[in-house]
């Protein structure tokens, strides 16, 4: 198994992040510093990150209802709480994508790097569903522009599914994961998001999970996520970066 994949399976980070960690020269195999993510290793090798041993963990996937003010990182060097603190697990979990600190709702955490990569890779266009409360009631033209795609500084967005569900509230389903995308799209059509909540990630729904609480997903739910991460999306493939 390649070293980057081994670290991902060991719950250290996603495969992409694992490659960055390896490049920093903090990973050793048998006491030797290794900076090649393609280095072959197996379960018998002594693999360490910053001196801490890495071993295969039982895969876990958790759903969290993230409150505002909590950051979507595995650890937070500042004063704000990190989302992993909301999960009662000894596994080395990390977020699948992210929500910005002001946004709330469904966030997945896992130690399964392969699954995390599938769910966030732009090739597979796994849908994410949001509820956004706006500063003013959206008009028909605004909604149409959001559905068709709008021009942002990092390029045009893909078409989105958008429906009005209240005087100032919309539901929007995206298949791409740009930074603060929902907020920027709404800004581009002349409105503003005042509250944003993710209620769905692929086939999984937030449901009645209370804010600030978490639950470990069952086998069928994880299987459904894997299936979602194996299908290619129906749209075009725009550039991707962290989620809203």
Foldseek 3Di string as FASTA:
>chain_A
DFQLQQQLQLLNAASVVSLVQLCVQQKDWQNHGGNDRRDDDDQVIQIDGNRHGTHGDDKWKKKAFAAAQEWQFLQDPDDTHHLCVLDDDPGNKHWLFTDHRQATEIIMIISNNVLSCLLAPLQLLWKWKKKFFWPFFDDPVLQVCQQPWDADPQGTFHGWDWDDDDRRMIMIMGSAAAAVVVQRSSVRSPIGTPYMYIQDTRPDGRPPADHSHMDIDDPVVVVSSVVSSVHGDPTDRDDHDGHD
